[in-house]
Amino acid sequence: MLLDSGRPTLSTRLHSTWPLVTEAVGAVGRYDYIEFVAEYAPYDQYDMENMVRAAELHNMGSMMKVDYQDRGFAAQKAVASGFQSILFTDHTAPEEVEETIKMILPKCPAYGGKMGYAARRWIGYQSVSSQDEYADMAAATVKAFMVEKKETVDCIEEFCSIPGIDMIQFGPNDFALSSGFNMKDDKKRVQEAEKKVIETAIRHGIRPRCELNSAEEARYYLDLGVRDFSLGLELRILQNFLTKEGDELIDLMAQNGLVK
């Protein structure tokens, strides 16, 4: 696994469950994994399996971002479908994190989790795995957590001391919301909180991942020691293209008297 070897990772985020979109990312040949932002999109369990199959065709990994309320059900179905990483949201207390980690660890003496032997496809359809092999495979799921609430940022040292967290990501919008201000009104406060989260995670041996809208934005985070990035968000990429190119085309049409 890339995290175990210390190598950097690059992903992009998708709303669409159409497997061809996942394949299109894989065909580019630049991304280590796709993240399906299930927190923001409709989906079913067939979609989950088909997205993962499409990723596997290009030897690409997969992550699923799940809602807080049904996280146990969604995460167990995701890893049993073949997703190799789960991004959990909206946790505020360390006890919640500990409970969540157990939800996707196998229930056996070696790991002490709560998940049984799920006879699903897993990664590439592991139909004859022994119980020990199954347990090791399930336990290898990358467990990532959003650090996005004020309460979580305030106790980030305790949060990062919890065994089993592999990756964290700061969430600026929810941090501002839970703190009672608009992000655009105090960007400095948001940046200071993000820097604190990143530095604390690195000190505890946890990989911080940062979301980017452009490659240029990575310079700041590289200087902080960040090695894991997620570039772009499917709908935002589409909206930005349609806005920018649409404005330019309308201007050109206006210059030629086609638009008043």
C-alpha atoms as a PDB file:
ATOM      1  CA  MET A   1       0.000   0.000   0.000  1.00  0.00           C
ATOM      2  CA  LEU A   2       1.186   3.496  -0.826  1.00  0.00           C
ATOM      3  CA  LEU A   3       0.664   4.813   2.712  1.00  0.00           C
ATOM      4  CA  ASP A   4       2.602   1.924   4.232  1.00  0.00           C
ATOM      5  CA  SER A   5       5.524   2.578   1.893  1.00  0.00           C
ATOM      6  CA  GLY A   6       5.543   6.287   2.690  1.00  0.00           C
ATOM      7  CA  ARG A   7       4.857   7.284  -0.909  1.00  0.00           C
ATOM      8  CA  PRO A   8       2.759  10.358  -1.767  1.00  0.00           C
ATOM      9  CA  THR A   9      -0.762   9.919  -3.125  1.00  0.00           C
ATOM     10  CA  LEU A  10      -2.963  11.810  -5.569  1.00  0.00           C
ATOM     11  CA  SER A  11      -6.710  11.450  -5.979  1.00  0.00           C
ATOM     12  CA  THR A  12      -9.703  13.243  -7.427  1.00  0.00           C
ATOM     13  CA  ARG A  13     -13.285  13.382  -6.191  1.00  0.00           C
ATOM     14  CA  LEU A  14     -16.330  12.143  -8.083  1.00  0.00           C
ATOM     15  CA  HIS A  15     -20.074  12.663  -7.634  1.00  0.00           C
ATOM     16  CA  SER A  16     -21.097  10.457 -10.541  1.00  0.00           C
ATOM     17  CA  THR A  17     -21.615   6.725 -10.047  1.00  0.00           C
ATOM     18  CA  TRP A  18     -21.325   6.066 -13.790  1.00  0.00           C
ATOM     19  CA  PRO A  19     -18.385   3.623 -13.990  1.00  0.00           C
ATOM     20  CA  LEU A  20     -17.175   5.213 -17.219  1.00  0.00           C
ATOM     21  CA  VAL A  21     -16.288   8.374 -15.293  1.00  0.00           C
ATOM     22  CA  THR A  22     -14.105   6.309 -12.969  1.00  0.00           C
ATOM     23  CA  GLU A  23     -12.541   4.625 -15.999  1.00  0.00           C
ATOM     24  CA  ALA A  24     -11.881   8.026 -17.565  1.00  0.00           C
ATOM     25  CA  VAL A  25      -9.894   9.047 -14.491  1.00  0.00           C
ATOM     26  CA  GLY A  26      -7.980   5.776 -14.607  1.00  0.00           C
ATOM     27  CA  ALA A  27      -7.219   6.209 -18.301  1.00  0.00           C
ATOM     28  CA  VAL A  28      -5.496   9.516 -17.541  1.00  0.00           C
ATOM     29  CA  GLY A  29      -2.887   7.499 -15.650  1.00  0.00           C
ATOM     30  CA  ARG A  30      -2.048  10.134 -13.078  1.00  0.00           C
ATOM     31  CA  TYR A  31      -4.222   9.316 -10.093  1.00  0.00           C
ATOM     32  CA  ASP A  32      -3.656   6.699  -7.406  1.00  0.00           C
ATOM     33  CA  TYR A  33      -7.314   6.488  -6.424  1.00  0.00           C
ATOM     34  CA  ILE A  34     -10.736   8.034  -6.886  1.00  0.00           C
ATOM     35  CA  GLU A  35     -12.873   9.278  -4.020  1.00  0.00           C
ATOM     36  CA  PHE A  36     -16.613   8.820  -4.369  1.00  0.00           C
ATOM     37  CA  VAL A  37     -18.203  11.619  -2.340  1.00  0.00           C
ATOM     38  CA  ALA A  38     -21.248   9.578  -1.332  1.00  0.00           C
ATOM     39  CA  GLU A  39     -22.074  12.183   1.317  1.00  0.00           C
ATOM     40  CA  TYR A  40     -23.220  14.453  -1.524  1.00  0.00           C
ATOM     41  CA  ALA A  41     -24.642  12.033  -4.088  1.00  0.00           C
ATOM     42  CA  PRO A  42     -27.324   9.351  -4.556  1.00  0.00           C
ATOM     43  CA  TYR A  43     -26.133   5.776  -5.001  1.00  0.00           C
ATOM     44  CA  ASP A  44     -26.950   2.128  -4.424  1.00  0.00           C
ATOM     45  CA  GLN A  45     -24.852  -0.955  -3.694  1.00  0.00           C
ATOM     46  CA  TYR A  46     -24.639  -1.933  -7.359  1.00  0.00           C
ATOM     47  CA  ASP A  47     -23.095   1.477  -8.046  1.00  0.00           C
ATOM     48  CA  MET A  48     -20.511   0.877  -5.341  1.00  0.00           C
ATOM     49  CA  GLU A  49     -19.387  -2.445  -6.809  1.00  0.00           C
ATOM     50  CA  ASN A  50     -19.304  -1.130 -10.379  1.00  0.00           C
ATOM     51  CA  MET A  51     -17.255   1.952  -9.512  1.00  0.00           C
ATOM     52  CA  VAL A  52     -14.687  -0.232  -7.777  1.00  0.00           C
ATOM     53  CA  ARG A  53     -14.557  -2.672 -10.701  1.00  0.00           C
ATOM     54  CA  ALA A  54     -13.881   0.240 -13.033  1.00  0.00           C
ATOM     55  CA  ALA A  55     -11.070   1.468 -10.786  1.00  0.00           C
ATOM     56  CA  GLU A  56      -9.529  -2.001 -10.587  1.00  0.00           C
ATOM     57  CA  LEU A  57      -9.357  -2.165 -14.391  1.00  0.00           C
ATOM     58  CA  HIS A  58      -6.743   0.582 -14.203  1.00  0.00           C
ATOM     59  CA  ASN A  59      -5.020  -0.677 -11.043  1.00  0.00           C
ATOM     60  CA  MET A  60      -6.430   2.346  -9.251  1.00  0.00           C
ATOM     61  CA  GLY A  61      -7.567   2.483  -5.632  1.00  0.00           C
ATOM     62  CA  SER A  62     -10.869   3.777  -4.287  1.00  0.00           C
ATOM     63  CA  MET A  63     -12.181   5.758  -1.322  1.00  0.00           C
ATOM     64  CA  MET A  64     -15.756   6.440  -0.263  1.00  0.00           C
ATOM     65  CA  LYS A  65     -16.814   9.429   1.827  1.00  0.00           C
ATOM     66  CA  VAL A  66     -19.782   8.433   3.992  1.00  0.00           C
ATOM     67  CA  ASP A  67     -22.411  10.291   5.982  1.00  0.00           C
ATOM     68  CA  TYR A  68     -22.136  10.260   9.751  1.00  0.00           C
ATOM     69  CA  GLN A  69     -25.582   8.931  10.615  1.00  0.00           C
ATOM     70  CA  ASP A  70     -25.408   5.595   8.757  1.00  0.00           C
ATOM     71  CA  ARG A  71     -21.617   5.349   8.663  1.00  0.00           C
ATOM     72  CA  GLY A  72     -21.418   1.811  10.002  1.00  0.00           C
ATOM     73  CA  PHE A  73     -23.776   0.349   7.413  1.00  0.00           C
ATOM     74  CA  ALA A  74     -22.383   2.394   4.511  1.00  0.00           C
ATOM     75  CA  ALA A  75     -18.741   1.756   5.399  1.00  0.00           C
ATOM     76  CA  GLN A  76     -19.196  -2.006   5.815  1.00  0.00           C
ATOM     77  CA  LYS A  77     -21.001  -2.248   2.471  1.00  0.00           C
ATOM     78  CA  ALA A  78     -18.321  -0.089   0.838  1.00  0.00           C
ATOM     79  CA  VAL A  79     -15.350  -2.167   1.967  1.00  0.00           C
ATOM     80  CA  ALA A  80     -17.217  -5.384   1.133  1.00  0.00           C
ATOM     81  CA  SER A  81     -17.768  -3.951  -2.363  1.00  0.00           C
ATOM     82  CA  GLY A  82     -14.046  -3.390  -2.742  1.00  0.00           C
ATOM     83  CA  PHE A  83     -13.433   0.187  -1.585  1.00  0.00           C
ATOM     84  CA  GLN A  84      -9.979   0.275  -0.023  1.00  0.00           C
ATOM     85  CA  SER A  85     -10.490   3.402   2.054  1.00  0.00           C
ATOM     86  CA  ILE A  86     -13.311   5.098   3.946  1.00  0.00           C
ATOM     87  CA  LEU A  87     -13.467   8.812   4.736  1.00  0.00           C
ATOM     88  CA  PHE A  88     -15.633   9.408   7.806  1.00  0.00           C
ATOM     89  CA  THR A  89     -17.313  12.747   8.499  1.00  0.00           C
ATOM     90  CA  ASP A  90     -18.666  14.881  11.337  1.00  0.00           C
ATOM     91  CA  HIS A  91     -16.959  13.241  14.328  1.00  0.00           C
ATOM     92  CA  THR A  92     -16.498  15.490  17.352  1.00  0.00           C
ATOM     93  CA  ALA A  93     -15.530  13.249  20.282  1.00  0.00           C
ATOM     94  CA  PRO A  94     -12.626  10.782  20.492  1.00  0.00           C
ATOM     95  CA  GLU A  95     -15.049   8.121  21.741  1.00  0.00           C
ATOM     96  CA  GLU A  96     -16.991   8.390  18.478  1.00  0.00           C
ATOM     97  CA  VAL A  97     -13.828   7.804  16.481  1.00  0.00           C
ATOM     98  CA  GLU A  98     -12.893   4.735  18.508  1.00  0.00           C
ATOM     99  CA  GLU A  99     -16.371   3.288  18.016  1.00  0.00           C
ATOM    100  CA  THR A 100     -16.299   3.991  14.275  1.00  0.00           C
ATOM    101  CA  ILE A 101     -12.933   2.301  13.785  1.00  0.00           C
ATOM    102  CA  LYS A 102     -14.325  -0.844  15.406  1.00  0.00           C
ATOM    103  CA  MET A 103     -17.212  -0.832  12.924  1.00  0.00           C
ATOM    104  CA  ILE A 104     -14.908  -1.755  10.038  1.00  0.00           C
ATOM    105  CA  LEU A 105     -12.422  -3.909  11.912  1.00  0.00           C
ATOM    106  CA  PRO A 106     -13.095  -7.674  11.875  1.00  0.00           C
ATOM    107  CA  LYS A 107     -14.537  -9.252  14.996  1.00  0.00           C
ATOM    108  CA  CYS A 108     -11.659 -11.530  15.954  1.00  0.00           C
ATOM    109  CA  PRO A 109      -9.057 -11.697  18.750  1.00  0.00           C
ATOM    110  CA  ALA A 110      -6.366 -10.076  16.608  1.00  0.00           C
ATOM    111  CA  TYR A 111      -8.324  -6.917  15.773  1.00  0.00           C
ATOM    112  CA  GLY A 112     -11.205  -6.627  18.245  1.00  0.00           C
ATOM    113  CA  GLY A 113     -13.666  -5.057  15.839  1.00  0.00           C
ATOM    114  CA  LYS A 114     -17.368  -5.587  15.168  1.00  0.00           C
ATOM    115  CA  MET A 115     -17.534  -6.689  11.527  1.00  0.00           C
ATOM    116  CA  GLY A 116     -18.239 -10.313  10.729  1.00  0.00           C
ATOM    117  CA  TYR A 117     -17.206 -12.435   7.761  1.00  0.00           C
ATOM    118  CA  ALA A 118     -18.927 -10.638   4.874  1.00  0.00           C
ATOM    119  CA  ALA A 119     -19.222 -12.924   1.850  1.00  0.00           C
ATOM    120  CA  ARG A 120     -19.030 -10.165  -0.765  1.00  0.00           C
ATOM    121  CA  ARG A 121     -16.673  -9.359  -3.639  1.00  0.00           C
ATOM    122  CA  TRP A 122     -14.090  -7.333  -1.681  1.00  0.00           C
ATOM    123  CA  ILE A 123     -11.046  -6.488  -3.819  1.00  0.00           C
ATOM    124  CA  GLY A 124     -11.199  -8.426  -7.097  1.00  0.00           C
ATOM    125  CA  TYR A 125     -13.686 -10.955  -5.683  1.00  0.00           C
ATOM    126  CA  GLN A 126     -11.858 -12.884  -2.978  1.00  0.00           C
ATOM    127  CA  SER A 127     -14.102 -15.942  -2.988  1.00  0.00           C
ATOM    128  CA  VAL A 128     -11.892 -18.398  -1.125  1.00  0.00           C
ATOM    129  CA  SER A 129     -10.244 -16.306   1.580  1.00  0.00           C
ATOM    130  CA  SER A 130      -9.626 -18.025   4.890  1.00  0.00           C
ATOM    131  CA  GLN A 131     -10.825 -16.301   8.039  1.00  0.00           C
ATOM    132  CA  ASP A 132      -7.294 -15.093   8.802  1.00  0.00           C
ATOM    133  CA  GLU A 133      -6.802 -13.751   5.270  1.00  0.00           C
ATOM    134  CA  TYR A 134     -10.185 -12.065   5.403  1.00  0.00           C
ATOM    135  CA  ALA A 135      -9.389 -10.454   8.751  1.00  0.00           C
ATOM    136  CA  ASP A 136      -6.074  -9.066   7.513  1.00  0.00           C
ATOM    137  CA  MET A 137      -7.653  -7.743   4.316  1.00  0.00           C
ATOM    138  CA  ALA A 138     -10.509  -6.056   6.165  1.00  0.00           C
ATOM    139  CA  ALA A 139      -8.165  -4.553   8.748  1.00  0.00           C
ATOM    140  CA  ALA A 140      -6.007  -3.062   5.978  1.00  0.00           C
ATOM    141  CA  THR A 141      -8.809  -0.675   4.972  1.00  0.00           C
ATOM    142  CA  VAL A 142      -7.497   2.888   5.186  1.00  0.00           C
ATOM    143  CA  LYS A 143      -9.434   4.752   7.857  1.00  0.00           C
ATOM    144  CA  ALA A 144      -9.575   8.478   7.132  1.00  0.00           C
ATOM    145  CA  PHE A 145     -11.404  11.104   9.165  1.00  0.00           C
ATOM    146  CA  MET A 146     -12.530  14.638   8.473  1.00  0.00           C
ATOM    147  CA  VAL A 147     -11.409  17.150  11.094  1.00  0.00           C
ATOM    148  CA  GLU A 148     -14.069  19.724  10.444  1.00  0.00           C
ATOM    149  CA  LYS A 149     -15.858  20.699  13.634  1.00  0.00           C
ATOM    150  CA  LYS A 150     -14.607  23.294  16.108  1.00  0.00           C
ATOM    151  CA  GLU A 151     -14.757  20.721  18.910  1.00  0.00           C
ATOM    152  CA  THR A 152     -12.520  18.369  16.942  1.00  0.00           C
ATOM    153  CA  VAL A 153      -9.960  21.054  16.163  1.00  0.00           C
ATOM    154  CA  ASP A 154      -9.918  22.097  19.822  1.00  0.00           C
ATOM    155  CA  CYS A 155      -9.025  18.539  20.911  1.00  0.00           C
ATOM    156  CA  ILE A 156      -6.856  17.658  17.908  1.00  0.00           C
ATOM    157  CA  GLU A 157      -4.016  16.325  20.086  1.00  0.00           C
ATOM    158  CA  GLU A 158      -6.332  13.792  21.712  1.00  0.00           C
ATOM    159  CA  PHE A 159      -7.957  13.042  18.364  1.00  0.00           C
ATOM    160  CA  CYS A 160      -4.625  12.242  16.711  1.00  0.00           C
ATOM    161  CA  SER A 161      -3.594  10.028  19.640  1.00  0.00           C
ATOM    162  CA  ILE A 162      -6.335   7.496  18.855  1.00  0.00           C
ATOM    163  CA  PRO A 163      -4.886   4.231  17.488  1.00  0.00           C
ATOM    164  CA  GLY A 164      -6.133   3.225  14.063  1.00  0.00           C
ATOM    165  CA  ILE A 165      -6.453   6.578  12.281  1.00  0.00           C
ATOM    166  CA  ASP A 166      -4.475   6.458   9.033  1.00  0.00           C
ATOM    167  CA  MET A 167      -5.347   9.807   7.467  1.00  0.00           C
ATOM    168  CA  ILE A 168      -7.099  13.063   8.335  1.00  0.00           C
ATOM    169  CA  GLN A 169      -8.392  15.981   6.324  1.00  0.00           C
ATOM    170  CA  PHE A 170      -9.338  19.453   7.515  1.00  0.00           C
ATOM    171  CA  GLY A 171     -12.792  20.711   6.509  1.00  0.00           C
ATOM    172  CA  PRO A 172     -12.817  24.519   6.300  1.00  0.00           C
ATOM    173  CA  ASN A 173     -16.520  24.999   5.589  1.00  0.00           C
ATOM    174  CA  ASP A 174     -17.775  22.963   8.531  1.00  0.00           C
ATOM    175  CA  PHE A 175     -15.111  24.438  10.794  1.00  0.00           C
ATOM    176  CA  ALA A 176     -16.370  27.939  10.033  1.00  0.00           C
ATOM    177  CA  LEU A 177     -20.007  26.837  10.337  1.00  0.00           C
ATOM    178  CA  SER A 178     -19.507  25.152  13.710  1.00  0.00           C
ATOM    179  CA  SER A 179     -17.499  28.159  14.926  1.00  0.00           C
ATOM    180  CA  GLY A 180     -20.274  30.597  14.044  1.00  0.00           C
ATOM    181  CA  PHE A 181     -18.747  32.663  11.233  1.00  0.00           C
ATOM    182  CA  ASN A 182     -18.627  32.836   7.455  1.00  0.00           C
ATOM    183  CA  MET A 183     -15.371  31.476   6.055  1.00  0.00           C
ATOM    184  CA  LYS A 184     -14.934  34.390   3.649  1.00  0.00           C
ATOM    185  CA  ASP A 185     -15.053  36.831   6.587  1.00  0.00           C
ATOM    186  CA  ASP A 186     -12.104  35.304   8.475  1.00  0.00           C
ATOM    187  CA  LYS A 187      -9.909  33.263   6.149  1.00  0.00           C
ATOM    188  CA  LYS A 188      -6.913  33.765   8.436  1.00  0.00           C
ATOM    189  CA  ARG A 189      -8.642  31.955  11.304  1.00  0.00           C
ATOM    190  CA  VAL A 190      -9.486  29.055   9.005  1.00  0.00           C
ATOM    191  CA  GLN A 191      -5.913  28.828   7.725  1.00  0.00           C
ATOM    192  CA  GLU A 192      -4.510  28.882  11.261  1.00  0.00           C
ATOM    193  CA  ALA A 193      -6.827  26.037  12.286  1.00  0.00           C
ATOM    194  CA  GLU A 194      -5.867  24.034   9.207  1.00  0.00           C
ATOM    195  CA  LYS A 195      -2.156  24.540   9.868  1.00  0.00           C
ATOM    196  CA  LYS A 196      -2.609  23.383  13.463  1.00  0.00           C
ATOM    197  CA  VAL A 197      -4.420  20.238  12.317  1.00  0.00           C
ATOM    198  CA  ILE A 198      -1.793  19.396   9.685  1.00  0.00           C
ATOM    199  CA  GLU A 199       1.173  19.907  11.992  1.00  0.00           C
ATOM    200  CA  THR A 200      -0.432  17.888  14.789  1.00  0.00           C
ATOM    201  CA  ALA A 201      -1.264  14.995  12.474  1.00  0.00           C
ATOM    202  CA  ILE A 202       2.284  14.821  11.108  1.00  0.00           C
ATOM    203  CA  ARG A 203       3.711  14.880  14.615  1.00  0.00           C
ATOM    204  CA  HIS A 204       1.541  11.876  15.503  1.00  0.00           C
ATOM    205  CA  GLY A 205       2.481   9.939  12.375  1.00  0.00           C
ATOM    206  CA  ILE A 206      -0.905  10.435  10.683  1.00  0.00           C
ATOM    207  CA  ARG A 207      -1.034  11.428   7.014  1.00  0.00           C
ATOM    208  CA  PRO A 208      -2.851  14.733   6.404  1.00  0.00           C
ATOM    209  CA  ARG A 209      -4.560  15.005   3.025  1.00  0.00           C
ATOM    210  CA  CYS A 210      -5.434  18.344   1.441  1.00  0.00           C
ATOM    211  CA  GLU A 211      -7.973  19.168  -1.238  1.00  0.00           C
ATOM    212  CA  LEU A 212      -6.860  21.386  -4.117  1.00  0.00           C
ATOM    213  CA  ASN A 213      -8.580  23.264  -6.909  1.00  0.00           C
ATOM    214  CA  SER A 214      -5.308  23.721  -8.799  1.00  0.00           C
ATOM    215  CA  ALA A 215      -1.804  22.271  -8.740  1.00  0.00           C
ATOM    216  CA  GLU A 216      -0.397  25.668  -7.741  1.00  0.00           C
ATOM    217  CA  GLU A 217      -2.228  25.491  -4.400  1.00  0.00           C
ATOM    218  CA  ALA A 218      -0.051  22.528  -3.398  1.00  0.00           C
ATOM    219  CA  ARG A 219       3.045  24.698  -2.859  1.00  0.00           C
ATOM    220  CA  TYR A 220       1.855  25.953   0.528  1.00  0.00           C
ATOM    221  CA  TYR A 221       0.995  22.457   1.745  1.00  0.00           C
ATOM    222  CA  LEU A 222       4.207  20.888   0.464  1.00  0.00           C
ATOM    223  CA  ASP A 223       6.135  23.345   2.626  1.00  0.00           C
ATOM    224  CA  LEU A 224       4.140  22.067   5.628  1.00  0.00           C
ATOM    225  CA  GLY A 225       5.118  18.474   4.864  1.00  0.00           C
ATOM    226  CA  VAL A 226       1.883  17.308   3.227  1.00  0.00           C
ATOM    227  CA  ARG A 227       2.290  14.439   0.742  1.00  0.00           C
ATOM    228  CA  ASP A 228      -1.303  13.480  -0.003  1.00  0.00           C
ATOM    229  CA  PHE A 229      -3.577  15.533  -2.228  1.00  0.00           C
ATOM    230  CA  SER A 230      -7.019  15.388  -3.808  1.00  0.00           C
ATOM    231  CA  LEU A 231      -7.208  17.506  -6.949  1.00  0.00           C
ATOM    232  CA  GLY A 232     -10.554  18.773  -8.148  1.00  0.00           C
ATOM    233  CA  LEU A 233     -14.211  17.944  -7.548  1.00  0.00           C
ATOM    234  CA  GLU A 234     -16.275  16.636 -10.469  1.00  0.00           C
ATOM    235  CA  LEU A 235     -19.173  19.112 -10.367  1.00  0.00           C
ATOM    236  CA  ARG A 236     -16.916  22.049  -9.516  1.00  0.00           C
ATOM    237  CA  ILE A 237     -14.671  21.258 -12.487  1.00  0.00           C
ATOM    238  CA  LEU A 238     -17.741  21.171 -14.734  1.00  0.00           C
ATOM    239  CA  GLN A 239     -19.185  24.393 -13.307  1.00  0.00           C
ATOM    240  CA  ASN A 240     -15.870  26.242 -13.583  1.00  0.00           C
ATOM    241  CA  PHE A 241     -15.438  25.181 -17.209  1.00  0.00           C
ATOM    242  CA  LEU A 242     -18.996  26.099 -18.159  1.00  0.00           C
ATOM    243  CA  THR A 243     -18.714  29.485 -16.423  1.00  0.00           C
ATOM    244  CA  LYS A 244     -15.297  30.518 -17.739  1.00  0.00           C
ATOM    245  CA  GLU A 245     -15.650  29.249 -21.287  1.00  0.00           C
ATOM    246  CA  GLY A 246     -19.295  30.295 -21.456  1.00  0.00           C
ATOM    247  CA  ASP A 247     -18.434  33.883 -20.475  1.00  0.00           C
ATOM    248  CA  GLU A 248     -15.628  34.035 -23.024  1.00  0.00           C
ATOM    249  CA  LEU A 249     -17.822  32.670 -25.799  1.00  0.00           C
ATOM    250  CA  ILE A 250     -20.654  35.086 -24.992  1.00  0.00           C
ATOM    251  CA  ASP A 251     -18.151  37.981 -25.094  1.00  0.00           C
ATOM    252  CA  LEU A 252     -16.864  36.861 -28.494  1.00  0.00           C
ATOM    253  CA  MET A 253     -20.404  36.527 -29.797  1.00  0.00           C
ATOM    254  CA  ALA A 254     -21.208  40.013 -28.481  1.00  0.00           C
ATOM    255  CA  GLN A 255     -18.143  41.461 -30.210  1.00  0.00           C
ATOM    256  CA  ASN A 256     -19.505  40.060 -33.456  1.00  0.00           C
ATOM    257  CA  GLY A 257     -22.945  41.513 -32.882  1.00  0.00           C
ATOM    258  CA  LEU A 258     -24.611  38.208 -32.111  1.00  0.00           C
ATOM    259  CA  VAL A 259     -25.420  38.999 -28.486  1.00  0.00           C
ATOM    260  CA  LYS A 260     -26.676  42.320 -27.149  1.00  0.00           C
END
